[in-house]
PDB file of N, CA and C in Angstrom:
ATOM      1  N   MET A   1      10.388 -38.467  -7.461  1.00  0.00           N
ATOM      2  CA  MET A   1       9.732 -38.853  -8.689  1.00  0.00           C
ATOM      3  C   MET A   1       8.244 -38.555  -8.541  1.00  0.00           C
ATOM      4  N   GLY A   2       7.764 -37.600  -9.308  1.00  0.00           N
ATOM      5  CA  GLY A   2       6.350 -37.262  -9.242  1.00  0.00           C
ATOM      6  C   GLY A   2       5.688 -37.440 -10.594  1.00  0.00           C
ATOM      7  N   PHE A   3       4.442 -37.768 -10.553  1.00  0.00           N
ATOM      8  CA  PHE A   3       3.659 -37.906 -11.776  1.00  0.00           C
ATOM      9  C   PHE A   3       2.458 -36.988 -11.673  1.00  0.00           C
ATOM     10  N   ALA A   4       2.173 -36.308 -12.762  1.00  0.00           N
ATOM     11  CA  ALA A   4       1.029 -35.403 -12.787  1.00  0.00           C
ATOM     12  C   ALA A   4      -0.268 -36.194 -12.722  1.00  0.00           C
ATOM     13  N   ILE A   5      -1.242 -35.596 -12.086  1.00  0.00           N
ATOM     14  CA  ILE A   5      -2.584 -36.170 -12.042  1.00  0.00           C
ATOM     15  C   ILE A   5      -3.283 -35.795 -13.350  1.00  0.00           C
ATOM     16  N   VAL A   6      -3.886 -36.801 -13.982  1.00  0.00           N
ATOM     17  CA  VAL A   6      -4.635 -36.583 -15.219  1.00  0.00           C
ATOM     18  C   VAL A   6      -6.104 -36.860 -14.914  1.00  0.00           C
ATOM     19  N   LYS A   7      -6.950 -35.888 -15.228  1.00  0.00           N
ATOM     20  CA  LYS A   7      -8.378 -36.016 -14.960  1.00  0.00           C
ATOM     21  C   LYS A   7      -9.093 -36.336 -16.274  1.00  0.00           C
ATOM     22  N   ARG A   8      -9.914 -37.381 -16.249  1.00  0.00           N
ATOM     23  CA  ARG A   8     -10.673 -37.775 -17.433  1.00  0.00           C
ATOM     24  C   ARG A   8     -12.123 -37.994 -17.043  1.00  0.00           C
ATOM     25  N   SER A   9     -13.009 -37.739 -17.985  1.00  0.00           N
ATOM     26  CA  SER A   9     -14.438 -37.968 -17.772  1.00  0.00           C
ATOM     27  C   SER A   9     -14.845 -39.280 -18.419  1.00  0.00           C
ATOM     28  N   VAL A  10     -15.665 -40.034 -17.722  1.00  0.00           N
ATOM     29  CA  VAL A  10     -16.186 -41.303 -18.243  1.00  0.00           C
ATOM     30  C   VAL A  10     -17.662 -41.416 -17.867  1.00  0.00           C
ATOM     31  N   SER A  11     -18.371 -42.266 -18.603  1.00  0.00           N
ATOM     32  CA  SER A  11     -19.762 -42.582 -18.253  1.00  0.00           C
ATOM     33  C   SER A  11     -19.781 -43.934 -17.570  1.00  0.00           C
ATOM     34  N   ILE A  12     -20.378 -43.977 -16.392  1.00  0.00           N
ATOM     35  CA  ILE A  12     -20.489 -45.217 -15.624  1.00  0.00           C
ATOM     36  C   ILE A  12     -21.947 -45.366 -15.211  1.00  0.00           C
ATOM     37  N   ALA A  13     -22.524 -46.479 -15.558  1.00  0.00           N
ATOM     38  CA  ALA A  13     -23.915 -46.767 -15.192  1.00  0.00           C
ATOM     39  C   ALA A  13     -24.840 -45.616 -15.579  1.00  0.00           C
ATOM     40  N   GLY A  14     -24.582 -45.046 -16.755  1.00  0.00           N
ATOM     41  CA  GLY A  14     -25.471 -44.010 -17.264  1.00  0.00           C
ATOM     42  C   GLY A  14     -25.222 -42.601 -16.762  1.00  0.00           C
ATOM     43  N   HIS A  15     -24.194 -42.392 -15.958  1.00  0.00           N
ATOM     44  CA  HIS A  15     -23.903 -41.025 -15.514  1.00  0.00           C
ATOM     45  C   HIS A  15     -22.436 -40.685 -15.743  1.00  0.00           C
ATOM     46  N   ARG A  16     -22.166 -39.410 -16.009  1.00  0.00           N
ATOM     47  CA  ARG A  16     -20.800 -38.936 -16.238  1.00  0.00           C
ATOM     48  C   ARG A  16     -20.131 -38.663 -14.898  1.00  0.00           C
ATOM     49  N   THR A  17     -18.863 -39.016 -14.850  1.00  0.00           N
ATOM     50  CA  THR A  17     -18.073 -38.703 -13.662  1.00  0.00           C
ATOM     51  C   THR A  17     -16.644 -38.428 -14.107  1.00  0.00           C
ATOM     52  N   SER A  18     -15.912 -37.719 -13.304  1.00  0.00           N
ATOM     53  CA  SER A  18     -14.504 -37.437 -13.570  1.00  0.00           C
ATOM     54  C   SER A  18     -13.651 -38.279 -12.653  1.00  0.00           C
ATOM     55  N   ILE A  19     -12.570 -38.788 -13.208  1.00  0.00           N
ATOM     56  CA  ILE A  19     -11.642 -39.617 -12.442  1.00  0.00           C
ATOM     57  C   ILE A  19     -10.258 -39.000 -12.565  1.00  0.00           C
ATOM     58  N   SER A  20      -9.588 -38.827 -11.449  1.00  0.00           N
ATOM     59  CA  SER A  20      -8.235 -38.270 -11.415  1.00  0.00           C
ATOM     60  C   SER A  20      -7.259 -39.364 -11.006  1.00  0.00           C
ATOM     61  N   LEU A  21      -6.320 -39.659 -11.906  1.00  0.00           N
ATOM     62  CA  LEU A  21      -5.297 -40.671 -11.656  1.00  0.00           C
ATOM     63  C   LEU A  21      -3.958 -40.196 -12.217  1.00  0.00           C
ATOM     64  N   GLU A  22      -2.886 -40.690 -11.656  1.00  0.00           N
ATOM     65  CA  GLU A  22      -1.568 -40.453 -12.221  1.00  0.00           C
ATOM     66  C   GLU A  22      -1.471 -41.211 -13.552  1.00  0.00           C
ATOM     67  N   GLU A  23      -0.700 -40.662 -14.496  1.00  0.00           N
ATOM     68  CA  GLU A  23      -0.603 -41.264 -15.835  1.00  0.00           C
ATOM     69  C   GLU A  23      -0.197 -42.743 -15.814  1.00  0.00           C
ATOM     70  N   PRO A  24       0.733 -43.184 -14.934  1.00  0.00           N
ATOM     71  CA  PRO A  24       1.058 -44.623 -14.939  1.00  0.00           C
ATOM     72  C   PRO A  24      -0.155 -45.509 -14.631  1.00  0.00           C
ATOM     73  N   PHE A  25      -1.090 -45.021 -13.837  1.00  0.00           N
ATOM     74  CA  PHE A  25      -2.290 -45.813 -13.570  1.00  0.00           C
ATOM     75  C   PHE A  25      -3.223 -45.826 -14.774  1.00  0.00           C
ATOM     76  N   TRP A  26      -3.320 -44.683 -15.484  1.00  0.00           N
ATOM     77  CA  TRP A  26      -4.104 -44.685 -16.725  1.00  0.00           C
ATOM     78  C   TRP A  26      -3.497 -45.661 -17.723  1.00  0.00           C
ATOM     79  N   ALA A  27      -2.165 -45.655 -17.832  1.00  0.00           N
ATOM     80  CA  ALA A  27      -1.493 -46.566 -18.763  1.00  0.00           C
ATOM     81  C   ALA A  27      -1.746 -48.020 -18.372  1.00  0.00           C
ATOM     82  N   GLY A  28      -1.648 -48.331 -17.085  1.00  0.00           N
ATOM     83  CA  GLY A  28      -1.912 -49.690 -16.615  1.00  0.00           C
ATOM     84  C   GLY A  28      -3.339 -50.107 -16.891  1.00  0.00           C
ATOM     85  N   LEU A  29      -4.268 -49.189 -16.688  1.00  0.00           N
ATOM     86  CA  LEU A  29      -5.679 -49.466 -16.949  1.00  0.00           C
ATOM     87  C   LEU A  29      -5.900 -49.769 -18.428  1.00  0.00           C
ATOM     88  N   ARG A  30      -5.263 -48.987 -19.307  1.00  0.00           N
ATOM     89  CA  ARG A  30      -5.375 -49.231 -20.759  1.00  0.00           C
ATOM     90  C   ARG A  30      -4.811 -50.594 -21.127  1.00  0.00           C
ATOM     91  N   GLU A  31      -3.668 -50.967 -20.550  1.00  0.00           N
ATOM     92  CA  GLU A  31      -3.055 -52.267 -20.844  1.00  0.00           C
ATOM     93  C   GLU A  31      -3.961 -53.414 -20.413  1.00  0.00           C
ATOM     94  N   ILE A  32      -4.535 -53.309 -19.237  1.00  0.00           N
ATOM     95  CA  ILE A  32      -5.426 -54.357 -18.728  1.00  0.00           C
ATOM     96  C   ILE A  32      -6.667 -54.454 -19.611  1.00  0.00           C
ATOM     97  N   ALA A  33      -7.244 -53.310 -19.960  1.00  0.00           N
ATOM     98  CA  ALA A  33      -8.444 -53.301 -20.805  1.00  0.00           C
ATOM     99  C   ALA A  33      -8.152 -53.945 -22.159  1.00  0.00           C
ATOM    100  N   GLU A  34      -7.013 -53.602 -22.743  1.00  0.00           N
ATOM    101  CA  GLU A  34      -6.634 -54.187 -24.035  1.00  0.00           C
ATOM    102  C   GLU A  34      -6.453 -55.696 -23.918  1.00  0.00           C
ATOM    103  N   ARG A  35      -5.752 -56.122 -22.889  1.00  0.00           N
ATOM    104  CA  ARG A  35      -5.525 -57.557 -22.669  1.00  0.00           C
ATOM    105  C   ARG A  35      -6.839 -58.310 -22.505  1.00  0.00           C
ATOM    106  N   ASP A  36      -7.774 -57.702 -21.774  1.00  0.00           N
ATOM    107  CA  ASP A  36      -9.054 -58.346 -21.484  1.00  0.00           C
ATOM    108  C   ASP A  36     -10.114 -58.065 -22.550  1.00  0.00           C
ATOM    109  N   LYS A  37      -9.682 -57.368 -23.627  1.00  0.00           N
ATOM    110  CA  LYS A  37     -10.574 -57.046 -24.742  1.00  0.00           C
ATOM    111  C   LYS A  37     -11.819 -56.270 -24.296  1.00  0.00           C
ATOM    112  N   LEU A  38     -11.562 -55.253 -23.465  1.00  0.00           N
ATOM    113  CA  LEU A  38     -12.599 -54.355 -22.971  1.00  0.00           C
ATOM    114  C   LEU A  38     -12.200 -52.927 -23.303  1.00  0.00           C
ATOM    115  N   SER A  39     -13.166 -52.048 -23.326  1.00  0.00           N
ATOM    116  CA  SER A  39     -12.826 -50.627 -23.380  1.00  0.00           C
ATOM    117  C   SER A  39     -12.406 -50.204 -21.974  1.00  0.00           C
ATOM    118  N   VAL A  40     -11.659 -49.130 -21.888  1.00  0.00           N
ATOM    119  CA  VAL A  40     -11.272 -48.613 -20.572  1.00  0.00           C
ATOM    120  C   VAL A  40     -12.531 -48.258 -19.787  1.00  0.00           C
ATOM    121  N   GLN A  41     -13.499 -47.679 -20.458  1.00  0.00           N
ATOM    122  CA  GLN A  41     -14.746 -47.307 -19.789  1.00  0.00           C
ATOM    123  C   GLN A  41     -15.460 -48.536 -19.232  1.00  0.00           C
ATOM    124  N   ALA A  42     -15.502 -49.634 -19.997  1.00  0.00           N
ATOM    125  CA  ALA A  42     -16.146 -50.861 -19.510  1.00  0.00           C
ATOM    126  C   ALA A  42     -15.388 -51.427 -18.316  1.00  0.00           C
ATOM    127  N   LEU A  43     -14.059 -51.396 -18.376  1.00  0.00           N
ATOM    128  CA  LEU A  43     -13.256 -51.888 -17.255  1.00  0.00           C
ATOM    129  C   LEU A  43     -13.501 -51.046 -16.007  1.00  0.00           C
ATOM    130  N   ILE A  44     -13.555 -49.733 -16.172  1.00  0.00           N
ATOM    131  CA  ILE A  44     -13.847 -48.862 -15.030  1.00  0.00           C
ATOM    132  C   ILE A  44     -15.230 -49.190 -14.479  1.00  0.00           C
ATOM    133  N   GLY A  45     -16.186 -49.483 -15.350  1.00  0.00           N
ATOM    134  CA  GLY A  45     -17.521 -49.876 -14.899  1.00  0.00           C
ATOM    135  C   GLY A  45     -17.489 -51.128 -14.050  1.00  0.00           C
ATOM    136  N   CYS A  46     -16.666 -52.106 -14.445  1.00  0.00           N
ATOM    137  CA  CYS A  46     -16.523 -53.344 -13.659  1.00  0.00           C
ATOM    138  C   CYS A  46     -15.906 -53.046 -12.290  1.00  0.00           C
ATOM    139  N   ILE A  47     -14.873 -52.216 -12.282  1.00  0.00           N
ATOM    140  CA  ILE A  47     -14.221 -51.847 -11.019  1.00  0.00           C
ATOM    141  C   ILE A  47     -15.221 -51.107 -10.130  1.00  0.00           C
ATOM    142  N   ASP A  48     -15.981 -50.200 -10.726  1.00  0.00           N
ATOM    143  CA  ASP A  48     -16.975 -49.431  -9.982  1.00  0.00           C
ATOM    144  C   ASP A  48     -18.005 -50.350  -9.333  1.00  0.00           C
ATOM    145  N   ALA A  49     -18.447 -51.365 -10.071  1.00  0.00           N
ATOM    146  CA  ALA A  49     -19.472 -52.280  -9.555  1.00  0.00           C
ATOM    147  C   ALA A  49     -18.973 -53.102  -8.373  1.00  0.00           C
ATOM    148  N   GLU A  50     -17.672 -53.301  -8.268  1.00  0.00           N
ATOM    149  CA  GLU A  50     -17.086 -54.151  -7.221  1.00  0.00           C
ATOM    150  C   GLU A  50     -16.478 -53.377  -6.057  1.00  0.00           C
ATOM    151  N   ARG A  51     -16.442 -52.056  -6.123  1.00  0.00           N
ATOM    152  CA  ARG A  51     -15.637 -51.282  -5.165  1.00  0.00           C
ATOM    153  C   ARG A  51     -16.278 -51.058  -3.806  1.00  0.00           C
ATOM    154  N   GLY A  52     -17.550 -51.286  -3.681  1.00  0.00           N
ATOM    155  CA  GLY A  52     -18.202 -51.027  -2.395  1.00  0.00           C
ATOM    156  C   GLY A  52     -18.162 -49.551  -2.063  1.00  0.00           C
ATOM    157  N   GLU A  53     -17.722 -49.220  -0.853  1.00  0.00           N
ATOM    158  CA  GLU A  53     -17.684 -47.827  -0.388  1.00  0.00           C
ATOM    159  C   GLU A  53     -16.370 -47.125  -0.725  1.00  0.00           C
ATOM    160  N   GLN A  54     -15.433 -47.834  -1.333  1.00  0.00           N
ATOM    161  CA  GLN A  54     -14.117 -47.262  -1.629  1.00  0.00           C
ATOM    162  C   GLN A  54     -14.225 -46.181  -2.706  1.00  0.00           C
ATOM    163  N   ASN A  55     -13.446 -45.133  -2.568  1.00  0.00           N
ATOM    164  CA  ASN A  55     -13.341 -44.087  -3.570  1.00  0.00           C
ATOM    165  C   ASN A  55     -12.953 -44.719  -4.912  1.00  0.00           C
ATOM    166  N   LEU A  56     -13.570 -44.265  -6.020  1.00  0.00           N
ATOM    167  CA  LEU A  56     -13.334 -44.892  -7.323  1.00  0.00           C
ATOM    168  C   LEU A  56     -11.881 -44.784  -7.768  1.00  0.00           C
ATOM    169  N   SER A  57     -11.276 -43.613  -7.621  1.00  0.00           N
ATOM    170  CA  SER A  57      -9.866 -43.464  -8.019  1.00  0.00           C
ATOM    171  C   SER A  57      -8.982 -44.421  -7.225  1.00  0.00           C
ATOM    172  N   SER A  58      -9.232 -44.535  -5.936  1.00  0.00           N
ATOM    173  CA  SER A  58      -8.461 -45.466  -5.102  1.00  0.00           C
ATOM    174  C   SER A  58      -8.705 -46.906  -5.527  1.00  0.00           C
ATOM    175  N   ALA A  59      -9.949 -47.240  -5.830  1.00  0.00           N
ATOM    176  CA  ALA A  59     -10.286 -48.600  -6.255  1.00  0.00           C
ATOM    177  C   ALA A  59      -9.557 -48.945  -7.554  1.00  0.00           C
ATOM    178  N   ILE A  60      -9.457 -47.987  -8.462  1.00  0.00           N
ATOM    179  CA  ILE A  60      -8.744 -48.231  -9.723  1.00  0.00           C
ATOM    180  C   ILE A  60      -7.263 -48.449  -9.451  1.00  0.00           C
ATOM    181  N   ARG A  61      -6.674 -47.623  -8.597  1.00  0.00           N
ATOM    182  CA  ARG A  61      -5.246 -47.794  -8.274  1.00  0.00           C
ATOM    183  C   ARG A  61      -4.983 -49.171  -7.664  1.00  0.00           C
ATOM    184  N   VAL A  62      -5.820 -49.577  -6.727  1.00  0.00           N
ATOM    185  CA  VAL A  62      -5.660 -50.885  -6.081  1.00  0.00           C
ATOM    186  C   VAL A  62      -5.841 -52.005  -7.108  1.00  0.00           C
ATOM    187  N   PHE A  63      -6.811 -51.857  -8.003  1.00  0.00           N
ATOM    188  CA  PHE A  63      -7.060 -52.856  -9.041  1.00  0.00           C
ATOM    189  C   PHE A  63      -5.834 -53.017  -9.948  1.00  0.00           C
ATOM    190  N   VAL A  64      -5.277 -51.895 -10.404  1.00  0.00           N
ATOM    191  CA  VAL A  64      -4.103 -51.947 -11.284  1.00  0.00           C
ATOM    192  C   VAL A  64      -2.918 -52.575 -10.545  1.00  0.00           C
ATOM    193  N   LEU A  65      -2.714 -52.185  -9.294  1.00  0.00           N
ATOM    194  CA  LEU A  65      -1.622 -52.754  -8.496  1.00  0.00           C
ATOM    195  C   LEU A  65      -1.826 -54.251  -8.285  1.00  0.00           C
ATOM    196  N   ALA A  66      -3.037 -54.672  -7.963  1.00  0.00           N
ATOM    197  CA  ALA A  66      -3.320 -56.097  -7.740  1.00  0.00           C
ATOM    198  C   ALA A  66      -3.089 -56.896  -9.018  1.00  0.00           C
ATOM    199  N   ASP A  67      -3.475 -56.335 -10.161  1.00  0.00           N
ATOM    200  CA  ASP A  67      -3.245 -57.018 -11.434  1.00  0.00           C
ATOM    201  C   ASP A  67      -1.753 -57.185 -11.694  1.00  0.00           C
ATOM    202  N   LEU A  68      -0.981 -56.150 -11.457  1.00  0.00           N
ATOM    203  CA  LEU A  68       0.465 -56.216 -11.636  1.00  0.00           C
ATOM    204  C   LEU A  68       1.086 -57.259 -10.715  1.00  0.00           C
ATOM    205  N   ARG A  69       0.682 -57.252  -9.451  1.00  0.00           N
ATOM    206  CA  ARG A  69       1.230 -58.217  -8.498  1.00  0.00           C
ATOM    207  C   ARG A  69       0.884 -59.647  -8.904  1.00  0.00           C
ATOM    208  N   GLU A  70      -0.336 -59.853  -9.385  1.00  0.00           N
ATOM    209  CA  GLU A  70      -0.751 -61.190  -9.827  1.00  0.00           C
ATOM    210  C   GLU A  70       0.088 -61.652 -11.018  1.00  0.00           C
ATOM    211  N   ARG A  71       0.325 -60.742 -11.974  1.00  0.00           N
ATOM    212  CA  ARG A  71       1.152 -61.105 -13.136  1.00  0.00           C
ATOM    213  C   ARG A  71       2.585 -61.391 -12.727  1.00  0.00           C
ATOM    214  N   LEU A  72       3.129 -60.620 -11.801  1.00  0.00           N
ATOM    215  CA  LEU A  72       4.494 -60.865 -11.331  1.00  0.00           C
ATOM    216  C   LEU A  72       4.597 -62.198 -10.596  1.00  0.00           C
ATOM    217  N   ASN A  73       3.616 -62.493  -9.743  1.00  0.00           N
ATOM    218  CA  ASN A  73       3.612 -63.772  -9.028  1.00  0.00           C
ATOM    219  C   ASN A  73       3.502 -64.940  -9.997  1.00  0.00           C
ATOM    220  N   ARG A  74       2.660 -64.789 -11.016  1.00  0.00           N
ATOM    221  CA  ARG A  74       2.498 -65.847 -12.010  1.00  0.00           C
ATOM    222  C   ARG A  74       3.800 -66.053 -12.792  1.00  0.00           C
ATOM    223  N   ALA A  75       4.452 -64.966 -13.169  1.00  0.00           N
ATOM    224  CA  ALA A  75       5.714 -65.061 -13.901  1.00  0.00           C
ATOM    225  C   ALA A  75       6.790 -65.712 -13.038  1.00  0.00           C
ATOM    226  N   ASP A  76       6.807 -65.360 -11.749  1.00  0.00           N
ATOM    227  CA  ASP A  76       7.772 -65.953 -10.825  1.00  0.00           C
ATOM    228  C   ASP A  76       7.524 -67.456 -10.683  1.00  0.00           C
ATOM    229  N   ALA A  77       6.261 -67.841 -10.554  1.00  0.00           N
ATOM    230  CA  ALA A  77       5.922 -69.269 -10.436  1.00  0.00           C
ATOM    231  C   ALA A  77       6.284 -70.010 -11.704  1.00  0.00           C
ATOM    232  N   ASP A  78       6.009 -69.404 -12.859  1.00  0.00           N
ATOM    233  CA  ASP A  78       6.363 -70.046 -14.136  1.00  0.00           C
ATOM    234  C   ASP A  78       7.868 -70.222 -14.258  1.00  0.00           C
ATOM    235  N   GLN A  79       8.627 -69.250 -13.780  1.00  0.00           N
ATOM    236  CA  GLN A  79      10.081 -69.332 -13.835  1.00  0.00           C
ATOM    237  C   GLN A  79      10.593 -70.463 -12.924  1.00  0.00           C
ATOM    238  N   ARG A  80       9.994 -70.596 -11.737  1.00  0.00           N
ATOM    239  CA  ARG A  80      10.405 -71.670 -10.827  1.00  0.00           C
ATOM    240  C   ARG A  80      10.099 -73.039 -11.419  1.00  0.00           C
ATOM    241  N   VAL A  81       8.967 -73.175 -12.078  1.00  0.00           N
ATOM    242  CA  VAL A  81       8.604 -74.449 -12.696  1.00  0.00           C
ATOM    243  C   VAL A  81       9.591 -74.762 -13.810  1.00  0.00           C
ATOM    244  N   GLY A  82      10.001 -73.729 -14.543  1.00  0.00           N
ATOM    245  CA  GLY A  82      10.976 -73.919 -15.610  1.00  0.00           C
ATOM    246  C   GLY A  82      12.353 -74.283 -15.100  1.00  0.00           C
ATOM    247  N   ASP A  83      12.659 -73.952 -13.853  1.00  0.00           N
ATOM    248  CA  ASP A  83      13.972 -74.230 -13.263  1.00  0.00           C
ATOM    249  C   ASP A  83      14.067 -75.657 -12.725  1.00  0.00           C
ATOM    250  N   VAL A  84      12.942 -76.353 -12.578  1.00  0.00           N
ATOM    251  CA  VAL A  84      12.947 -77.709 -12.036  1.00  0.00           C
ATOM    252  C   VAL A  84      13.512 -78.655 -13.079  1.00  0.00           C
ATOM    253  N   PRO A  85      14.523 -79.457 -12.696  1.00  0.00           N
ATOM    254  CA  PRO A  85      15.125 -80.378 -13.686  1.00  0.00           C
ATOM    255  C   PRO A  85      14.201 -81.505 -14.078  1.00  0.00           C
TER     256      PRO A  85
END
């Protein structure tokens, strides 16, 4: 199962840069931005500000994965609470 890399240009902190991500990560980024009522560009700016020395594309992938894991853990916890008599 392979996904094509999609390259997009964004402005971060006043400069243009290109970001290459697989489409599922772009889709995840859009979903998170919509949920948090941010533009994708603003969300990328937040990730960029927190990434330290990590490559931006890698930081975005880790961010999207961490968000997914957090939502899954929360859903699992909510389900367990609902199962308690």
